[in-house]
Protein backbone atom coordinates (compact mmCIF):
# COMPACT_ATOMS: atom_id res chain seq x y z
CA MET A 1 -21.55 18.92 -34.94
CA ASP A 2 -20.42 22.52 -34.51
CA LEU A 3 -17.74 23.82 -36.87
CA VAL A 4 -15.13 25.09 -34.43
CA ASP A 5 -11.44 25.82 -34.94
CA TYR A 6 -10.24 24.27 -31.68
CA LYS A 7 -6.60 24.78 -32.59
CA LYS A 8 -7.02 28.52 -33.01
CA ILE A 9 -9.09 28.82 -29.83
CA PHE A 10 -6.40 27.10 -27.83
CA GLU A 11 -3.50 28.97 -29.41
CA ASP A 12 -5.25 32.28 -28.78
CA SER A 13 -5.64 31.33 -25.10
CA LEU A 14 -2.21 29.74 -24.55
CA ASP A 15 -0.81 32.80 -22.82
CA GLY A 16 -3.58 32.56 -20.22
CA LEU A 17 -2.74 28.94 -19.49
CA VAL A 18 0.96 29.77 -19.21
CA LYS A 19 0.21 32.47 -16.63
CA LEU A 20 -1.89 30.01 -14.62
CA LEU A 21 0.93 27.45 -14.67
CA GLN A 22 3.40 30.09 -13.48
CA ILE A 23 1.51 30.55 -10.22
CA PRO A 24 3.18 28.30 -7.57
CA SER A 25 -0.09 27.04 -6.15
CA VAL A 26 1.35 24.68 -3.55
CA TYR A 27 -0.27 24.51 -0.11
CA ASP A 28 1.68 26.94 2.06
CA GLU A 29 0.99 26.61 5.78
CA PRO A 30 2.85 29.77 6.91
CA THR A 31 0.49 31.96 4.86
CA VAL A 32 -2.73 30.13 5.78
CA CYS A 33 -5.35 32.47 7.27
CA GLU A 34 -9.12 32.88 7.22
CA SER A 35 -9.10 34.58 3.81
CA MET A 36 -6.52 32.16 2.37
CA PRO A 37 -7.40 28.75 3.86
CA TYR A 38 -4.70 26.97 1.81
CA GLY A 39 -2.08 29.71 1.65
CA GLN A 40 -0.93 32.42 -0.70
CA GLY A 41 -0.08 30.45 -3.85
CA VAL A 42 -3.37 28.58 -4.16
CA TYR A 43 -5.29 31.75 -3.34
CA ASP A 44 -3.46 33.57 -6.14
CA ALA A 45 -4.45 30.87 -8.64
CA LEU A 46 -8.08 31.04 -7.52
CA CYS A 47 -8.13 34.83 -7.86
CA TYR A 48 -6.56 34.59 -11.30
CA MET A 49 -9.30 32.30 -12.60
CA LYS A 50 -12.02 34.38 -10.95
CA GLU A 51 -10.76 37.53 -12.65
CA ILE A 52 -10.71 35.83 -16.06
CA ALA A 53 -14.25 34.51 -15.64
CA LEU A 54 -15.58 37.91 -14.55
CA ARG A 55 -13.78 39.54 -17.48
CA ASP A 56 -15.51 37.11 -19.83
CA GLY A 57 -18.93 37.91 -18.39
CA PHE A 58 -19.59 34.82 -16.29
CA ASP A 59 -21.31 34.65 -12.95
CA VAL A 60 -18.78 33.53 -10.31
CA VAL A 61 -20.05 32.05 -7.06
CA GLU A 62 -17.48 32.19 -4.28
CA TYR A 63 -17.14 29.75 -1.40
CA ASP A 64 -14.91 31.58 1.08
CA ASN A 65 -11.83 30.86 -1.05
CA HIS A 66 -12.16 27.12 -0.62
CA ALA A 67 -13.53 26.99 -4.18
CA ILE A 68 -15.29 29.01 -6.86
CA ALA A 69 -17.99 28.02 -9.33
CA ILE A 70 -17.98 29.67 -12.76
CA ARG A 71 -21.63 29.34 -13.67
CA TYR A 72 -23.57 29.22 -16.90
CA ARG A 73 -27.29 29.74 -16.35
CA GLN A 74 -29.36 28.80 -13.29
CA SER A 75 -31.66 25.81 -13.62
CA SER A 76 -33.28 23.00 -11.68
CA LYS A 77 -30.84 20.61 -13.38
CA ARG A 78 -27.14 21.03 -12.68
CA VAL A 79 -23.92 19.39 -13.81
CA ASP A 80 -20.52 20.27 -12.39
CA VAL A 81 -17.10 19.95 -14.03
CA VAL A 82 -14.71 19.89 -11.10
CA SER A 83 -10.97 20.63 -11.19
CA HIS A 84 -8.29 21.61 -8.71
CA LEU A 85 -5.79 24.44 -8.92
CA ASP A 86 -3.42 23.21 -6.22
CA VAL A 87 -0.34 21.23 -7.17
CA VAL A 88 2.19 19.13 -5.28
CA GLU A 89 5.70 20.29 -4.47
CA PRO A 90 7.79 20.13 -7.65
CA GLY A 91 10.76 18.36 -6.07
CA ASN A 92 14.16 18.13 -7.75
CA ASN A 93 15.71 17.06 -11.06
CA TRP A 94 13.73 19.35 -13.37
CA LEU A 95 15.14 20.33 -16.76
CA TYR A 96 13.43 23.71 -16.43
CA ASP A 97 12.04 25.84 -13.63
CA PRO A 98 8.79 23.98 -12.76
CA PHE A 99 6.90 27.27 -12.50
CA ALA A 100 8.37 28.97 -15.58
CA ALA A 101 6.02 27.15 -18.01
CA THR A 102 8.70 26.52 -20.63
CA ILE A 103 7.85 25.41 -24.17
CA ASP A 104 10.45 23.19 -25.82
CA ASP A 105 10.10 20.90 -28.85
CA GLY A 106 6.30 21.10 -28.83
CA LYS A 107 6.00 20.34 -25.11
CA LEU A 108 4.87 22.66 -22.34
CA TYR A 109 6.85 21.88 -19.15
CA ALA A 110 5.47 22.95 -15.77
CA ARG A 111 4.11 21.54 -12.56
CA GLY A 112 0.37 21.19 -13.15
CA THR A 113 0.41 20.63 -16.92
CA GLN A 114 -1.05 17.16 -16.47
CA ASP A 115 -2.35 17.42 -12.91
CA MET A 116 -4.43 19.40 -13.56
CA LYS A 117 -4.32 23.04 -14.58
CA THR A 118 -4.43 22.30 -18.31
CA SER A 119 -7.67 20.36 -18.08
CA ALA A 120 -9.16 22.99 -15.75
CA TRP A 121 -8.28 25.61 -18.37
CA LEU A 122 -9.74 23.55 -21.23
CA SER A 123 -12.95 22.96 -19.28
CA TYR A 124 -13.33 26.70 -18.88
CA LEU A 125 -12.77 27.25 -22.62
CA ALA A 126 -15.37 24.55 -23.31
CA LEU A 127 -17.92 26.35 -21.14
CA LYS A 128 -17.30 29.58 -23.04
CA LEU A 129 -17.91 27.73 -26.31
CA MET A 130 -21.14 26.22 -25.07
CA ARG A 131 -22.41 29.57 -23.87
CA ASP A 132 -21.60 31.23 -27.19
CA LEU A 133 -22.83 28.45 -29.52
CA HIS A 134 -25.69 26.89 -27.57
CA PRO A 135 -27.62 29.53 -25.61
CA GLU A 136 -30.67 27.26 -25.84
CA ILE A 137 -29.23 24.73 -23.38
CA ASP A 138 -31.51 24.69 -20.33
CA CYS A 139 -29.10 23.24 -17.79
CA GLU A 140 -26.92 24.85 -15.18
CA VAL A 141 -23.30 24.00 -15.95
CA ARG A 142 -20.59 24.89 -13.48
CA ILE A 143 -16.83 24.87 -13.81
CA VAL A 144 -15.86 24.31 -10.19
CA LEU A 145 -12.29 25.07 -9.15
CA GLY A 146 -10.98 23.81 -5.82
CA CYS A 147 -7.82 24.41 -3.85
CA ASP A 148 -6.88 21.37 -1.76
CA GLU A 149 -7.39 18.18 -3.75
CA GLU A 150 -3.81 17.08 -3.29
CA ARG A 151 -4.08 17.00 0.50
CA THR A 152 -7.52 16.64 2.12
CA MET A 153 -10.27 17.51 -0.40
CA ASN A 154 -11.86 19.53 2.40
CA ASP A 155 -12.18 22.34 -0.13
CA MET A 156 -14.73 20.36 -2.11
CA ARG A 157 -16.48 19.05 0.98
CA TYR A 158 -16.97 22.69 1.95
CA TYR A 159 -18.29 23.44 -1.52
CA VAL A 160 -20.77 20.55 -1.49
CA GLU A 161 -21.96 21.49 1.97
CA LYS A 162 -22.79 25.01 0.73
CA ALA A 163 -23.86 24.31 -2.87
CA GLY A 164 -25.33 20.81 -2.58
CA LYS A 165 -24.53 17.97 -4.92
CA PRO A 166 -25.29 18.33 -8.65
CA ASP A 167 -27.29 15.83 -10.70
CA PHE A 168 -23.98 14.64 -12.13
CA ALA A 169 -20.33 15.67 -12.14
CA PHE A 170 -17.11 14.76 -13.82
CA THR A 171 -13.54 15.69 -13.05
CA PRO A 172 -11.04 15.95 -15.94
CA ASP A 173 -8.42 14.26 -13.81
CA GLY A 174 -7.23 10.83 -14.90
CA TYR A 175 -7.36 8.77 -18.07
CA PHE A 176 -9.59 8.57 -21.11
CA PRO A 177 -11.92 6.96 -21.89
CA MET A 178 -13.18 7.23 -18.29
CA GLY A 179 -12.48 6.35 -14.70
CA ILE A 180 -15.81 4.85 -13.70
CA GLY A 181 -14.69 3.94 -10.20
CA GLU A 182 -11.91 4.56 -7.72
CA LYS A 183 -10.24 2.43 -5.11
CA GLY A 184 -10.57 3.47 -1.52
CA ALA A 185 -7.91 5.88 -0.27
CA LEU A 186 -6.61 6.07 3.24
CA MET A 187 -3.73 7.65 5.13
CA TRP A 188 -2.02 6.18 8.14
CA ARG A 189 0.17 8.22 10.47
CA LEU A 190 3.12 6.57 12.14
CA LYS A 191 4.40 7.68 15.52
CA GLY A 192 7.13 6.07 17.56
CA GLU A 193 10.51 6.24 19.20
CA TYR A 194 13.97 5.22 18.06
CA HIS A 195 17.20 5.11 20.04
CA GLY A 196 20.29 4.06 18.16
CA LEU A 197 23.06 5.20 15.86
CA VAL A 198 20.82 7.16 13.47
CA GLU A 199 20.42 10.69 14.79
CA LYS A 200 18.21 12.05 12.03
CA LEU A 201 16.30 10.81 8.99
CA VAL A 202 14.29 12.80 6.45
CA GLY A 203 12.50 10.99 3.63
CA GLY A 204 9.91 12.02 1.06
CA VAL A 205 7.97 15.17 0.22
CA GLN A 206 4.28 14.29 0.48
CA CYS A 207 2.13 11.34 1.48
CA ASN A 208 0.81 10.65 -2.02
CA VAL A 209 4.18 11.04 -3.77
CA ILE A 210 6.73 8.23 -4.00
CA ALA A 211 9.80 9.57 -2.16
CA PRO A 212 12.37 10.96 -4.63
CA SER A 213 15.03 11.51 -1.96
CA ALA A 214 15.96 10.64 1.60
CA TYR A 215 18.91 11.15 3.89
CA ALA A 216 20.11 10.06 7.32
CA ILE A 217 22.75 11.21 9.80
CA VAL A 218 24.66 8.40 11.56
CA SER A 219 26.75 9.12 14.64
CA ASP A 220 29.42 6.46 13.97
CA CYS A 221 31.73 7.15 11.00
CA SER A 222 33.25 3.68 11.12
CA TYR A 223 30.37 2.38 8.99
CA GLN A 224 31.33 4.51 5.96
CA GLU A 225 33.13 1.83 3.95
CA LYS A 226 30.51 -0.82 4.72
CA ILE A 227 27.70 1.48 3.53
CA GLU A 228 29.61 2.53 0.41
CA ASN A 229 30.13 -1.13 -0.51
CA TYR A 230 26.48 -1.93 0.11
CA LEU A 231 25.33 0.87 -2.18
CA VAL A 232 27.54 -0.46 -4.96
CA ASP A 233 26.56 -4.11 -4.48
CA SER A 234 22.80 -3.42 -4.17
CA GLY A 235 22.55 -0.89 -7.01
CA ILE A 236 20.91 1.64 -4.71
CA GLN A 237 21.62 5.18 -5.91
CA GLY A 238 23.26 7.16 -3.14
CA GLU A 239 26.39 8.55 -1.57
CA VAL A 240 28.05 8.67 1.84
CA LYS A 241 30.19 11.49 3.20
CA VAL A 242 31.53 12.72 6.52
CA GLU A 243 30.06 15.95 7.86
CA ASN A 244 30.93 17.33 11.30
CA ASP A 245 32.38 13.99 12.40
CA LYS A 246 29.19 12.15 11.42
CA LEU A 247 28.07 10.18 8.39
CA ARG A 248 25.51 11.62 6.03
CA ILE A 249 23.84 9.10 3.71
CA ASP A 250 21.86 10.49 0.76
CA VAL A 251 19.70 8.20 -1.36
CA VAL A 252 17.96 9.09 -4.62
CA GLY A 253 14.72 7.53 -5.88
CA LYS A 254 12.17 8.50 -8.48
CA ALA A 255 9.03 10.50 -7.73
CA ALA A 256 5.69 9.34 -9.08
CA HIS A 257 2.07 9.30 -8.05
CA CYS A 258 1.68 6.78 -5.25
CA SER A 259 -1.15 4.94 -7.03
CA ARG A 260 1.27 3.98 -9.83
CA PRO A 261 4.17 2.28 -8.04
CA ASP A 262 5.77 1.00 -11.24
CA ASP A 263 6.36 4.61 -12.37
CA GLY A 264 8.59 5.47 -9.42
CA HIS A 265 10.99 4.14 -6.80
CA SER A 266 11.11 5.00 -3.10
CA ALA A 267 14.34 6.51 -1.81
CA THR A 268 13.04 6.16 1.74
CA CYS A 269 12.57 2.41 1.45
CA ASP A 270 16.05 2.05 -0.03
CA LEU A 271 17.49 4.06 2.87
CA LEU A 272 15.70 1.87 5.41
CA GLU A 273 17.25 -1.18 3.76
CA VAL A 274 20.75 0.32 3.84
CA LEU A 275 20.50 1.27 7.51
CA GLY A 276 18.95 -2.01 8.56
CA CYS A 277 21.54 -4.15 6.80
CA CYS A 278 24.68 -2.10 7.37
CA LEU A 279 24.04 -1.09 10.98
CA GLU A 280 22.43 -4.44 11.80
CA ASP A 281 19.72 -2.38 13.44
CA GLU A 282 16.55 -4.34 14.25
CA TRP A 283 14.23 -1.31 14.15
CA PHE A 284 15.33 -0.35 10.65
CA GLN A 285 15.19 -3.97 9.55
CA GLN A 286 11.56 -4.15 10.69
CA MET A 287 10.68 -0.90 8.92
CA ALA A 288 12.42 -1.99 5.72
CA SER A 289 10.65 -5.35 5.76
CA CYS A 290 7.28 -3.72 6.39
CA PHE A 291 7.41 -1.09 3.64
CA TYR A 292 9.73 -2.42 0.93
CA SER A 293 6.84 -3.58 -1.28
CA PRO A 294 4.41 -1.02 -2.74
CA TYR A 295 1.87 -3.85 -2.88
CA GLY A 296 1.97 -4.66 0.83
CA LEU A 297 3.90 -7.93 0.60
CA GLY A 298 5.92 -7.11 3.71
CA CYS A 299 3.00 -6.50 6.05
CA ASP A 300 0.22 -8.91 5.00
CA LEU A 301 -1.50 -6.29 2.84
CA ASP A 302 -1.02 -8.02 -0.54
CA VAL A 303 -4.73 -7.83 -1.37
CA GLU A 304 -6.13 -8.23 -4.90
CA ILE A 305 -9.91 -8.18 -5.37
CA GLU A 306 -11.70 -7.77 -8.70
CA PRO A 307 -12.87 -5.56 -10.32
CA MET A 308 -10.56 -3.11 -8.56
CA GLY A 309 -7.38 -5.16 -8.46
CA LYS A 310 -4.36 -4.79 -6.19
CA LEU A 311 -3.90 -2.70 -3.08
CA THR A 312 -1.01 -0.24 -3.25
CA MET A 313 0.79 1.50 -0.40
CA ASN A 314 3.44 4.21 -0.12
CA LEU A 315 5.57 5.38 2.78
CA GLY A 316 5.42 8.94 1.50
CA VAL A 317 6.87 10.78 4.51
CA LEU A 318 9.26 9.59 7.22
CA HIS A 319 10.99 11.92 9.67
CA MET A 320 13.06 10.99 12.69
CA GLU A 321 15.01 13.28 15.01
CA ASN A 322 15.85 13.34 18.71
CA GLY A 323 14.40 9.87 19.06
CA THR A 324 10.94 10.85 17.76
CA VAL A 325 9.55 9.16 14.65
CA TYR A 326 6.77 10.50 12.43
CA GLY A 327 5.53 9.07 9.14
CA GLU A 328 2.65 9.15 6.65
CA VAL A 329 1.56 6.16 4.58
CA ASP A 330 -0.87 6.31 1.66
CA SER A 331 -2.83 3.24 0.57
CA ARG A 332 -5.32 2.65 -2.25
CA TYR A 333 -7.49 -0.39 -1.57
CA PRO A 334 -10.24 -2.31 -3.42
CA TYR A 335 -13.80 -3.18 -2.50
CA GLY A 336 -14.04 -6.25 -0.35
CA ILE A 337 -11.84 -5.35 2.59
CA THR A 338 -12.25 -2.68 5.27
CA SER A 339 -9.80 0.02 6.24
CA GLN A 340 -9.91 -1.20 9.84
CA GLU A 341 -8.86 -4.71 8.85
CA LEU A 342 -5.98 -3.24 6.85
CA THR A 343 -4.97 -1.08 9.81
CA ASN A 344 -4.89 -4.09 12.11
CA ARG A 345 -2.68 -6.02 9.68
CA LEU A 346 -0.22 -3.15 9.29
CA GLN A 347 -0.01 -2.62 13.05
CA ALA A 348 0.97 -6.26 13.51
CA SER A 349 4.04 -5.75 11.30
CA CYS A 350 5.13 -2.16 11.96
CA PRO A 351 7.30 -1.10 14.93
CA CYS A 352 5.49 2.27 15.09
CA LEU A 353 2.06 3.10 16.46
CA ILE A 354 -0.44 3.27 13.57
CA SER A 355 -3.43 5.63 13.41
CA LEU A 356 -5.98 5.75 10.57
CA ASP A 357 -6.41 9.48 10.02
CA TYR A 358 -8.06 9.62 6.59
CA ASP A 359 -10.32 7.18 4.78
CA ASP A 360 -12.37 7.54 1.60
CA ILE A 361 -14.13 4.32 0.69
CA PRO A 362 -14.18 2.95 -2.88
CA THR A 363 -16.66 4.44 -5.36
CA LEU A 364 -18.21 3.03 -8.53
CA CYS A 365 -20.69 4.38 -11.11
CA GLN A 366 -22.78 2.09 -13.32
CA MET A 367 -22.18 1.56 -17.03
CA ASP A 368 -25.88 2.01 -17.88
CA ASP A 369 -26.00 5.46 -16.27
CA PRO A 370 -27.26 7.88 -18.97
CA TYR A 371 -24.60 10.46 -18.17
CA VAL A 372 -21.87 7.83 -18.36
CA GLN A 373 -23.23 6.60 -21.69
CA ALA A 374 -23.45 10.14 -23.12
CA MET A 375 -19.83 10.90 -22.23
CA LEU A 376 -18.54 7.55 -23.42
CA LYS A 377 -20.36 7.84 -26.76
CA THR A 378 -18.95 11.34 -27.27
CA TYR A 379 -15.41 10.20 -26.61
CA ARG A 380 -15.69 7.13 -28.84
CA ASP A 381 -17.27 9.03 -31.72
CA LEU A 382 -14.45 11.59 -31.67
CA THR A 383 -11.50 9.24 -31.18
CA GLN A 384 -12.63 5.79 -32.42
CA ASP A 385 -11.08 4.48 -29.21
CA MET A 386 -13.41 1.71 -28.05
CA SER A 387 -11.51 0.81 -24.88
CA GLU A 388 -13.56 0.26 -21.74
CA PRO A 389 -13.83 2.53 -18.69
CA MET A 390 -11.42 1.62 -15.92
CA ILE A 391 -11.05 1.54 -12.17
CA SER A 392 -8.56 4.13 -10.95
CA GLY A 393 -6.10 3.88 -8.11
CA GLY A 394 -5.94 7.66 -7.97
CA VAL A 395 -8.08 9.83 -5.75
CA SER A 396 -10.08 12.57 -7.38
CA TYR A 397 -13.01 14.77 -6.43
CA SER A 398 -15.22 11.82 -7.45
CA LYS A 399 -14.84 10.71 -3.83
CA VAL A 400 -16.77 13.78 -2.68
CA PHE A 401 -19.47 13.89 -5.36
CA GLU A 402 -20.08 10.11 -5.67
CA HIS A 403 -22.24 10.42 -8.83
CA CYS A 404 -19.11 11.45 -10.65
CA VAL A 405 -16.51 10.01 -13.03
CA SER A 406 -12.98 11.05 -13.97
CA PHE A 407 -12.43 11.87 -17.63
CA GLY A 408 -8.96 12.36 -19.11
CA LEU A 409 -6.85 14.09 -20.08
CA GLY A 410 -4.31 11.34 -20.50
CA ARG A 411 -4.63 7.99 -22.22
CA LYS A 412 -3.23 4.61 -21.30
CA GLY A 413 0.16 4.15 -22.92
CA GLU A 414 1.01 7.86 -22.86
CA PRO A 415 3.52 9.26 -20.35
CA MET A 416 1.68 10.12 -17.14
CA LEU A 417 3.87 12.49 -15.17
CA ALA A 418 1.61 13.67 -12.36
CA HIS A 419 3.75 14.32 -9.26
CA GLN A 420 6.93 13.56 -11.21
CA ALA A 421 9.79 15.78 -12.30
CA ASN A 422 9.59 17.30 -15.80
CA GLU A 423 5.80 17.11 -16.00
CA TYR A 424 4.69 18.24 -19.45
CA ILE A 425 1.85 18.25 -21.98
CA GLU A 426 2.20 17.90 -25.74
CA LEU A 427 0.77 21.03 -27.32
CA GLU A 428 -0.39 19.34 -30.52
CA LYS A 429 -2.78 17.10 -28.58
CA ILE A 430 -4.54 19.88 -26.68
CA PRO A 431 -7.01 20.98 -29.41
CA MET A 432 -8.43 17.43 -29.50
CA TYR A 433 -8.74 17.43 -25.70
CA LEU A 434 -10.58 20.74 -25.91
CA GLN A 435 -13.03 19.29 -28.44
CA ILE A 436 -13.61 16.21 -26.27
CA TYR A 437 -14.40 18.34 -23.22
CA TYR A 438 -16.64 20.71 -25.13
CA GLU A 439 -18.71 18.00 -26.75
CA ALA A 440 -18.86 15.94 -23.56
CA ILE A 441 -20.15 18.89 -21.53
CA LEU A 442 -22.69 19.59 -24.27
CA ALA A 443 -23.81 15.95 -24.23
CA ILE A 444 -24.37 15.67 -20.49
CA ALA A 445 -26.12 19.06 -20.44
CA LYS A 446 -28.65 17.56 -22.86
CA VAL A 447 -29.29 14.35 -20.87
């Protein structure tokens, strides 16, 4: 085992990580162009990492600003460590500016600390260590950095089309000890019409984020007292006020990653319930009944199939104005049922027209895979954590690479704050994460 001062290496590089976290690398459609396919912020983050890698003497292979590969050596055998630099919208209720990268009480607060700029940064540091300490390694190792994992993963599809698939890949995006498989991931779009008392509704921020807020404009102010009483009696967090002779209803939920429903609470679903009950509106009653359960209980999607477990679903976006309805629903589903069957079931319950616009089928690696065994042994030797690899409800770049697992940087039982307000990482834990990534990359390079 190499004698390395991981704490010093990380502390010496902390300023570089802070600068990366300060780049607001959210997809920005107004600035999308041929040279910036995902907008200005994500492009800036990609350029930042490219400049650091070139400064440190690495070969950087560019893929038209969809992705870059920071490469160590060229060889007939190749392993990729794949991360994304894009982040979701920060939303509200932050203690600190989400792009200030504030350190307080041993915690580094910023959007992207857990998902997943920190692990991308540590992977890069691990590659530098391997280059400096093990020049004898005869394997091409790439730190691949993408730009659109949070939306479409078309960045990595573009990369694979140009670079081909490696012998093996892992993405440091999930839980330790390992995500050996992932549920299928699909997105439905909702389109429809509504004609009633609600003139406008805006709910949610992104398809794969549980809606932290939602509001509606109602044309009839006579419902104010009834709605106020309902909010109190139901425990739904919200307020009602009169604006321009109309009612505005604001509801507050809790943002979380859509694959972990118990970590959040949907403001949009609460708002649907309020409108359906208080206005006695059949359309809103149907929508509330369809989407109230994140496990599909309201629309015949309560599926649970081992080894992958329960289906989850999330009405992440819902907009309605001038009678036109648009929505986006995320679902994570297990082996054993098809996306088309799920679509048919949802359509039977939902008052909107459903279209299946995105579908990544479930993936699963095998426990006896030599790469899987090498990584698992490394992790267990370093941590003495003998827990078993798990099936993830999240979607990572594993979907694109197939022969790929997710690998940290969180552990079960620790706060997982991806897509939530006040996302942070504990600084004292990062040197151990760096060691795990370094020794894991070294191990799979030797397979």
